[in-house]
């Protein structure tokens, strides 16, 4: 159970740090897409879509990998 003080602290943090919250939200979305549970007892719509399009999902992950590698190179120059 989350106390009222914790809830207020979270709201205040989000209000005071909107860019950090945006960053965390985007990072979470990417991780959710990459690490989706594909074989759970009750698959999500995303898991169902991935299972229906497994080859596309694999290709997309490979493309992300290349994009990440390129981005790292760009940032390290």
PDB file of N, CA and C in Angstrom:
ATOM      1  N   UNK A   1       0.842  -1.185   0.000  1.00  0.00           N
ATOM      2  CA  UNK A   1       0.000   0.000   0.000  1.00  0.00           C
ATOM      3  C   UNK A   1       0.886   1.248   0.000  1.00  0.00           C
ATOM      4  N   UNK A   2       0.492   2.201  -0.790  1.00  0.00           N
ATOM      5  CA  UNK A   2       1.246   3.445  -0.918  1.00  0.00           C
ATOM      6  C   UNK A   2       0.565   4.510  -0.058  1.00  0.00           C
ATOM      7  N   UNK A   3       1.367   5.160   0.762  1.00  0.00           N
ATOM      8  CA  UNK A   3       0.811   6.192   1.645  1.00  0.00           C
ATOM      9  C   UNK A   3       0.455   7.443   0.852  1.00  0.00           C
ATOM     10  N   UNK A   4      -0.389   8.266   1.448  1.00  0.00           N
ATOM     11  CA  UNK A   4      -0.757   9.530   0.810  1.00  0.00           C
ATOM     12  C   UNK A   4       0.468  10.410   0.615  1.00  0.00           C
ATOM     13  N   UNK A   5       1.379  10.383   1.574  1.00  0.00           N
ATOM     14  CA  UNK A   5       2.605  11.187   1.465  1.00  0.00           C
ATOM     15  C   UNK A   5       3.438  10.740   0.262  1.00  0.00           C
ATOM     16  N   UNK A   6       3.521   9.428   0.036  1.00  0.00           N
ATOM     17  CA  UNK A   6       4.267   8.920  -1.113  1.00  0.00           C
ATOM     18  C   UNK A   6       3.604   9.334  -2.420  1.00  0.00           C
ATOM     19  N   UNK A   7       2.282   9.282  -2.446  1.00  0.00           N
ATOM     20  CA  UNK A   7       1.556   9.695  -3.650  1.00  0.00           C
ATOM     21  C   UNK A   7       1.796  11.171  -3.946  1.00  0.00           C
ATOM     22  N   UNK A   8       1.740  12.020  -2.911  1.00  0.00           N
ATOM     23  CA  UNK A   8       1.980  13.454  -3.093  1.00  0.00           C
ATOM     24  C   UNK A   8       3.422  13.702  -3.542  1.00  0.00           C
ATOM     25  N   UNK A   9       4.350  12.959  -2.963  1.00  0.00           N
ATOM     26  CA  UNK A   9       5.758  13.127  -3.342  1.00  0.00           C
ATOM     27  C   UNK A   9       5.964  12.783  -4.806  1.00  0.00           C
ATOM     28  N   UNK A  10       5.300  11.728  -5.270  1.00  0.00           N
ATOM     29  CA  UNK A  10       5.432  11.341  -6.676  1.00  0.00           C
ATOM     30  C   UNK A  10       4.848  12.419  -7.588  1.00  0.00           C
ATOM     31  N   UNK A  11       3.674  12.912  -7.253  1.00  0.00           N
ATOM     32  CA  UNK A  11       3.040  13.967  -8.047  1.00  0.00           C
ATOM     33  C   UNK A  11       3.936  15.203  -8.087  1.00  0.00           C
ATOM     34  N   UNK A  12       4.486  15.575  -6.941  1.00  0.00           N
ATOM     35  CA  UNK A  12       5.368  16.751  -6.890  1.00  0.00           C
ATOM     36  C   UNK A  12       6.631  16.532  -7.696  1.00  0.00           C
ATOM     37  N   UNK A  13       7.193  15.329  -7.640  1.00  0.00           N
ATOM     38  CA  UNK A  13       8.400  15.050  -8.411  1.00  0.00           C
ATOM     39  C   UNK A  13       8.112  15.183  -9.901  1.00  0.00           C
ATOM     40  N   UNK A  14       7.015  14.593 -10.341  1.00  0.00           N
ATOM     41  CA  UNK A  14       6.649  14.668 -11.763  1.00  0.00           C
ATOM     42  C   UNK A  14       6.447  16.127 -12.178  1.00  0.00           C
ATOM     43  N   UNK A  15       5.801  16.894 -11.324  1.00  0.00           N
ATOM     44  CA  UNK A  15       5.568  18.306 -11.632  1.00  0.00           C
ATOM     45  C   UNK A  15       6.887  19.078 -11.704  1.00  0.00           C
ATOM     46  N   UNK A  16       7.810  18.752 -10.809  1.00  0.00           N
ATOM     47  CA  UNK A  16       9.085  19.470 -10.753  1.00  0.00           C
ATOM     48  C   UNK A  16      10.118  18.979 -11.766  1.00  0.00           C
ATOM     49  N   UNK A  17       9.947  17.770 -12.291  1.00  0.00           N
ATOM     50  CA  UNK A  17      10.922  17.168 -13.209  1.00  0.00           C
ATOM     51  C   UNK A  17      10.229  16.559 -14.438  1.00  0.00           C
ATOM     52  N   UNK A  18       9.528  17.358 -15.229  1.00  0.00           N
ATOM     53  CA  UNK A  18       8.771  16.793 -16.353  1.00  0.00           C
ATOM     54  C   UNK A  18       9.655  16.144 -17.417  1.00  0.00           C
ATOM     55  N   UNK A  19      10.836  16.666 -17.642  1.00  0.00           N
ATOM     56  CA  UNK A  19      11.706  16.072 -18.658  1.00  0.00           C
ATOM     57  C   UNK A  19      12.204  14.694 -18.215  1.00  0.00           C
ATOM     58  N   UNK A  20      12.519  14.555 -16.935  1.00  0.00           N
ATOM     59  CA  UNK A  20      12.937  13.256 -16.408  1.00  0.00           C
ATOM     60  C   UNK A  20      11.803  12.250 -16.543  1.00  0.00           C
ATOM     61  N   UNK A  21      10.590  12.681 -16.271  1.00  0.00           N
ATOM     62  CA  UNK A  21       9.434  11.792 -16.390  1.00  0.00           C
ATOM     63  C   UNK A  21       9.221  11.373 -17.843  1.00  0.00           C
ATOM     64  N   UNK A  22       9.364  12.305 -18.771  1.00  0.00           N
ATOM     65  CA  UNK A  22       9.245  11.985 -20.190  1.00  0.00           C
ATOM     66  C   UNK A  22      10.290  10.951 -20.589  1.00  0.00           C
ATOM     67  N   UNK A  23      11.515  11.169 -20.129  1.00  0.00           N
ATOM     68  CA  UNK A  23      12.614  10.233 -20.425  1.00  0.00           C
ATOM     69  C   UNK A  23      12.276   8.833 -19.910  1.00  0.00           C
ATOM     70  N   UNK A  24      11.848   8.752 -18.649  1.00  0.00           N
ATOM     71  CA  UNK A  24      11.528   7.443 -18.061  1.00  0.00           C
ATOM     72  C   UNK A  24      10.366   6.771 -18.786  1.00  0.00           C
ATOM     73  N   UNK A  25       9.370   7.556 -19.169  1.00  0.00           N
ATOM     74  CA  UNK A  25       8.218   6.984 -19.876  1.00  0.00           C
ATOM     75  C   UNK A  25       8.643   6.365 -21.211  1.00  0.00           C
ATOM     76  N   UNK A  26       9.470   7.095 -21.956  1.00  0.00           N
ATOM     77  CA  UNK A  26       9.926   6.583 -23.268  1.00  0.00           C
ATOM     78  C   UNK A  26      10.801   5.349 -23.101  1.00  0.00           C
ATOM     79  N   UNK A  27      11.690   5.387 -22.117  1.00  0.00           N
ATOM     80  CA  UNK A  27      12.569   4.252 -21.844  1.00  0.00           C
ATOM     81  C   UNK A  27      11.737   3.020 -21.465  1.00  0.00           C
ATOM     82  N   UNK A  28      10.736   3.222 -20.658  1.00  0.00           N
ATOM     83  CA  UNK A  28       9.855   2.132 -20.241  1.00  0.00           C
ATOM     84  C   UNK A  28       9.104   1.540 -21.433  1.00  0.00           C
ATOM     85  N   UNK A  29       8.647   2.400 -22.333  1.00  0.00           N
ATOM     86  CA  UNK A  29       7.919   1.923 -23.512  1.00  0.00           C
ATOM     87  C   UNK A  29       8.803   1.043 -24.391  1.00  0.00           C
ATOM     88  N   UNK A  30      10.045   1.471 -24.577  1.00  0.00           N
ATOM     89  CA  UNK A  30      10.978   0.686 -25.391  1.00  0.00           C
ATOM     90  C   UNK A  30      11.237  -0.673 -24.740  1.00  0.00           C
ATOM     91  N   UNK A  31      11.510  -0.646 -23.446  1.00  0.00           N
ATOM     92  CA  UNK A  31      11.770  -1.908 -22.737  1.00  0.00           C
ATOM     93  C   UNK A  31      10.556  -2.826 -22.779  1.00  0.00           C
ATOM     94  N   UNK A  32       9.373  -2.269 -22.649  1.00  0.00           N
ATOM     95  CA  UNK A  32       8.155  -3.081 -22.704  1.00  0.00           C
ATOM     96  C   UNK A  32       8.017  -3.765 -24.062  1.00  0.00           C
ATOM     97  N   UNK A  33       8.357  -3.049 -25.121  1.00  0.00           N
ATOM     98  CA  UNK A  33       8.273  -3.627 -26.457  1.00  0.00           C
ATOM     99  C   UNK A  33       9.306  -4.732 -26.638  1.00  0.00           C
ATOM    100  N   UNK A  34      10.511  -4.495 -26.138  1.00  0.00           N
ATOM    101  CA  UNK A  34      11.590  -5.470 -26.309  1.00  0.00           C
ATOM    102  C   UNK A  34      11.375  -6.706 -25.441  1.00  0.00           C
ATOM    103  N   UNK A  35      10.937  -6.510 -24.205  1.00  0.00           N
ATOM    104  CA  UNK A  35      10.871  -7.601 -23.229  1.00  0.00           C
ATOM    105  C   UNK A  35       9.468  -8.164 -23.014  1.00  0.00           C
ATOM    106  N   UNK A  36       8.582  -7.965 -23.950  1.00  0.00           N
ATOM    107  CA  UNK A  36       7.208  -8.441 -23.778  1.00  0.00           C
ATOM    108  C   UNK A  36       7.190  -9.956 -23.571  1.00  0.00           C
ATOM    109  N   UNK A  37       6.357 -10.403 -22.625  1.00  0.00           N
ATOM    110  CA  UNK A  37       6.203 -11.836 -22.340  1.00  0.00           C
ATOM    111  C   UNK A  37       5.323 -12.443 -23.434  1.00  0.00           C
ATOM    112  N   UNK A  38       5.894 -13.358 -24.213  1.00  0.00           N
ATOM    113  CA  UNK A  38       5.185 -13.904 -25.371  1.00  0.00           C
ATOM    114  C   UNK A  38       4.399 -15.170 -25.067  1.00  0.00           C
ATOM    115  N   UNK A  39       4.693 -15.837 -23.968  1.00  0.00           N
ATOM    116  CA  UNK A  39       4.077 -17.146 -23.715  1.00  0.00           C
ATOM    117  C   UNK A  39       3.382 -17.218 -22.369  1.00  0.00           C
ATOM    118  N   UNK A  40       2.850 -16.107 -21.887  1.00  0.00           N
ATOM    119  CA  UNK A  40       2.147 -16.099 -20.613  1.00  0.00           C
ATOM    120  C   UNK A  40       0.811 -16.812 -20.710  1.00  0.00           C
ATOM    121  N   UNK A  41       0.189 -17.036 -19.570  1.00  0.00           N
ATOM    122  CA  UNK A  41      -1.100 -17.733 -19.552  1.00  0.00           C
ATOM    123  C   UNK A  41      -2.194 -16.899 -20.212  1.00  0.00           C
ATOM    124  N   UNK A  42      -2.072 -15.583 -20.130  1.00  0.00           N
ATOM    125  CA  UNK A  42      -3.030 -14.686 -20.787  1.00  0.00           C
ATOM    126  C   UNK A  42      -2.238 -13.636 -21.555  1.00  0.00           C
ATOM    127  N   UNK A  43      -1.900 -13.918 -22.815  1.00  0.00           N
ATOM    128  CA  UNK A  43      -1.057 -12.984 -23.577  1.00  0.00           C
ATOM    129  C   UNK A  43      -1.749 -11.640 -23.811  1.00  0.00           C
ATOM    130  N   UNK A  44      -0.945 -10.586 -23.767  1.00  0.00           N
ATOM    131  CA  UNK A  44      -1.449  -9.244 -24.047  1.00  0.00           C
ATOM    132  C   UNK A  44      -1.701  -9.096 -25.548  1.00  0.00           C
ATOM    133  N   UNK A  45      -2.351  -8.009 -25.922  1.00  0.00           N
ATOM    134  CA  UNK A  45      -2.570  -7.741 -27.350  1.00  0.00           C
ATOM    135  C   UNK A  45      -1.244  -7.605 -28.071  1.00  0.00           C
ATOM    136  N   UNK A  46      -0.268  -6.976 -27.417  1.00  0.00           N
ATOM    137  CA  UNK A  46       1.046  -6.835 -28.038  1.00  0.00           C
ATOM    138  C   UNK A  46       1.679  -8.207 -28.250  1.00  0.00           C
ATOM    139  N   UNK A  47       1.616  -9.065 -27.246  1.00  0.00           N
ATOM    140  CA  UNK A  47       2.181 -10.415 -27.386  1.00  0.00           C
ATOM    141  C   UNK A  47       1.479 -11.171 -28.513  1.00  0.00           C
ATOM    142  N   UNK A  48       0.185 -11.034 -28.614  1.00  0.00           N
ATOM    143  CA  UNK A  48      -0.561 -11.691 -29.692  1.00  0.00           C
ATOM    144  C   UNK A  48      -0.113 -11.151 -31.049  1.00  0.00           C
ATOM    145  N   UNK A  49       0.046  -9.833 -31.145  1.00  0.00           N
ATOM    146  CA  UNK A  49       0.476  -9.224 -32.411  1.00  0.00           C
ATOM    147  C   UNK A  49       1.878  -9.692 -32.787  1.00  0.00           C
ATOM    148  N   UNK A  50       2.769  -9.767 -31.795  1.00  0.00           N
ATOM    149  CA  UNK A  50       4.132 -10.225 -32.058  1.00  0.00           C
ATOM    150  C   UNK A  50       4.122 -11.679 -32.505  1.00  0.00           C
ATOM    151  N   UNK A  51       3.354 -12.505 -31.826  1.00  0.00           N
ATOM    152  CA  UNK A  51       3.292 -13.924 -32.195  1.00  0.00           C
ATOM    153  C   UNK A  51       2.718 -14.125 -33.600  1.00  0.00           C
ATOM    154  N   UNK A  52       1.838 -13.238 -34.007  1.00  0.00           N
ATOM    155  CA  UNK A  52       1.270 -13.314 -35.352  1.00  0.00           C
ATOM    156  C   UNK A  52       2.254 -12.803 -36.414  1.00  0.00           C
ATOM    157  N   UNK A  53       3.201 -11.987 -35.981  1.00  0.00           N
ATOM    158  CA  UNK A  53       4.147 -11.347 -36.907  1.00  0.00           C
ATOM    159  C   UNK A  53       5.584 -11.523 -36.409  1.00  0.00           C
ATOM    160  N   UNK A  54       5.934 -12.729 -36.037  1.00  0.00           N
ATOM    161  CA  UNK A  54       7.223 -12.993 -35.398  1.00  0.00           C
ATOM    162  C   UNK A  54       8.408 -12.563 -36.266  1.00  0.00           C
ATOM    163  N   UNK A  55       8.365 -12.826 -37.558  1.00  0.00           N
ATOM    164  CA  UNK A  55       9.475 -12.453 -38.441  1.00  0.00           C
ATOM    165  C   UNK A  55       9.645 -10.941 -38.468  1.00  0.00           C
ATOM    166  N   UNK A  56       8.550 -10.208 -38.550  1.00  0.00           N
ATOM    167  CA  UNK A  56       8.618  -8.739 -38.536  1.00  0.00           C
ATOM    168  C   UNK A  56       9.195  -8.245 -37.221  1.00  0.00           C
ATOM    169  N   UNK A  57       8.774  -8.859 -36.105  1.00  0.00           N
ATOM    170  CA  UNK A  57       9.277  -8.470 -34.787  1.00  0.00           C
ATOM    171  C   UNK A  57      10.791  -8.684 -34.701  1.00  0.00           C
ATOM    172  N   UNK A  58      11.258  -9.812 -35.186  1.00  0.00           N
ATOM    173  CA  UNK A  58      12.695 -10.107 -35.188  1.00  0.00           C
ATOM    174  C   UNK A  58      13.429  -9.074 -36.034  1.00  0.00           C
ATOM    175  N   UNK A  59      12.902  -8.775 -37.204  1.00  0.00           N
ATOM    176  CA  UNK A  59      13.526  -7.771 -38.076  1.00  0.00           C
ATOM    177  C   UNK A  59      13.541  -6.391 -37.422  1.00  0.00           C
ATOM    178  N   UNK A  60      12.458  -6.051 -36.739  1.00  0.00           N
ATOM    179  CA  UNK A  60      12.407  -4.760 -36.052  1.00  0.00           C
ATOM    180  C   UNK A  60      13.449  -4.703 -34.939  1.00  0.00           C
ATOM    181  N   UNK A  61      13.606  -5.771 -34.174  1.00  0.00           N
ATOM    182  CA  UNK A  61      14.616  -5.795 -33.118  1.00  0.00           C
ATOM    183  C   UNK A  61      16.023  -5.651 -33.700  1.00  0.00           C
ATOM    184  N   UNK A  62      16.278  -6.300 -34.825  1.00  0.00           N
ATOM    185  CA  UNK A  62      17.583  -6.163 -35.485  1.00  0.00           C
ATOM    186  C   UNK A  62      17.804  -4.723 -35.940  1.00  0.00           C
ATOM    187  N   UNK A  63      16.762  -4.105 -36.468  1.00  0.00           N
ATOM    188  CA  UNK A  63      16.862  -2.712 -36.901  1.00  0.00           C
ATOM    189  C   UNK A  63      17.139  -1.800 -35.704  1.00  0.00           C
ATOM    190  N   UNK A  64      16.452  -2.048 -34.588  1.00  0.00           N
ATOM    191  CA  UNK A  64      16.710  -1.275 -33.377  1.00  0.00           C
ATOM    192  C   UNK A  64      18.159  -1.424 -32.938  1.00  0.00           C
ATOM    193  N   UNK A  65      18.670  -2.633 -33.021  1.00  0.00           N
ATOM    194  CA  UNK A  65      20.054  -2.895 -32.630  1.00  0.00           C
ATOM    195  C   UNK A  65      21.010  -2.053 -33.484  1.00  0.00           C
ATOM    196  N   UNK A  66      20.774  -2.041 -34.785  1.00  0.00           N
ATOM    197  CA  UNK A  66      21.614  -1.239 -35.676  1.00  0.00           C
ATOM    198  C   UNK A  66      21.479   0.246 -35.357  1.00  0.00           C
ATOM    199  N   UNK A  67      20.258   0.692 -35.099  1.00  0.00           N
ATOM    200  CA  UNK A  67      20.029   2.096 -34.759  1.00  0.00           C
ATOM    201  C   UNK A  67      20.756   2.472 -33.469  1.00  0.00           C
ATOM    202  N   UNK A  68      20.720   1.587 -32.489  1.00  0.00           N
ATOM    203  CA  UNK A  68      21.398   1.844 -31.218  1.00  0.00           C
ATOM    204  C   UNK A  68      22.901   1.898 -31.417  1.00  0.00           C
ATOM    205  N   UNK A  69      23.435   0.962 -32.175  1.00  0.00           N
ATOM    206  CA  UNK A  69      24.876   0.959 -32.442  1.00  0.00           C
ATOM    207  C   UNK A  69      25.303   2.236 -33.155  1.00  0.00           C
ATOM    208  N   UNK A  70      24.519   2.690 -34.121  1.00  0.00           N
ATOM    209  CA  UNK A  70      24.838   3.928 -34.831  1.00  0.00           C
ATOM    210  C   UNK A  70      24.740   5.131 -33.904  1.00  0.00           C
ATOM    211  N   UNK A  71      23.729   5.152 -33.085  1.00  0.00           N
ATOM    212  CA  UNK A  71      23.552   6.262 -32.154  1.00  0.00           C
ATOM    213  C   UNK A  71      24.712   6.341 -31.171  1.00  0.00           C
ATOM    214  N   UNK A  72      25.156   5.205 -30.667  1.00  0.00           N
ATOM    215  CA  UNK A  72      26.317   5.179 -29.771  1.00  0.00           C
ATOM    216  C   UNK A  72      27.559   5.725 -30.460  1.00  0.00           C
ATOM    217  N   UNK A  73      27.771   5.330 -31.714  1.00  0.00           N
ATOM    218  CA  UNK A  73      28.917   5.851 -32.469  1.00  0.00           C
ATOM    219  C   UNK A  73      28.810   7.370 -32.605  1.00  0.00           C
ATOM    220  N   UNK A  74      27.635   7.851 -32.955  1.00  0.00           N
ATOM    221  CA  UNK A  74      27.438   9.289 -33.138  1.00  0.00           C
ATOM    222  C   UNK A  74      27.696  10.060 -31.847  1.00  0.00           C
ATOM    223  N   UNK A  75      27.243   9.531 -30.742  1.00  0.00           N
ATOM    224  CA  UNK A  75      27.393  10.218 -29.462  1.00  0.00           C
ATOM    225  C   UNK A  75      28.818  10.181 -28.932  1.00  0.00           C
ATOM    226  N   UNK A  76      29.581   9.181 -29.340  1.00  0.00           N
ATOM    227  CA  UNK A  76      30.933   9.032 -28.821  1.00  0.00           C
ATOM    228  C   UNK A  76      31.971   9.806 -29.658  1.00  0.00           C
ATOM    229  N   UNK A  77      31.548  10.439 -30.710  1.00  0.00           N
ATOM    230  CA  UNK A  77      32.477  11.222 -31.555  1.00  0.00           C
ATOM    231  C   UNK A  77      32.632  12.617 -31.016  1.00  0.00           C
TER     232      UNK A  77
END
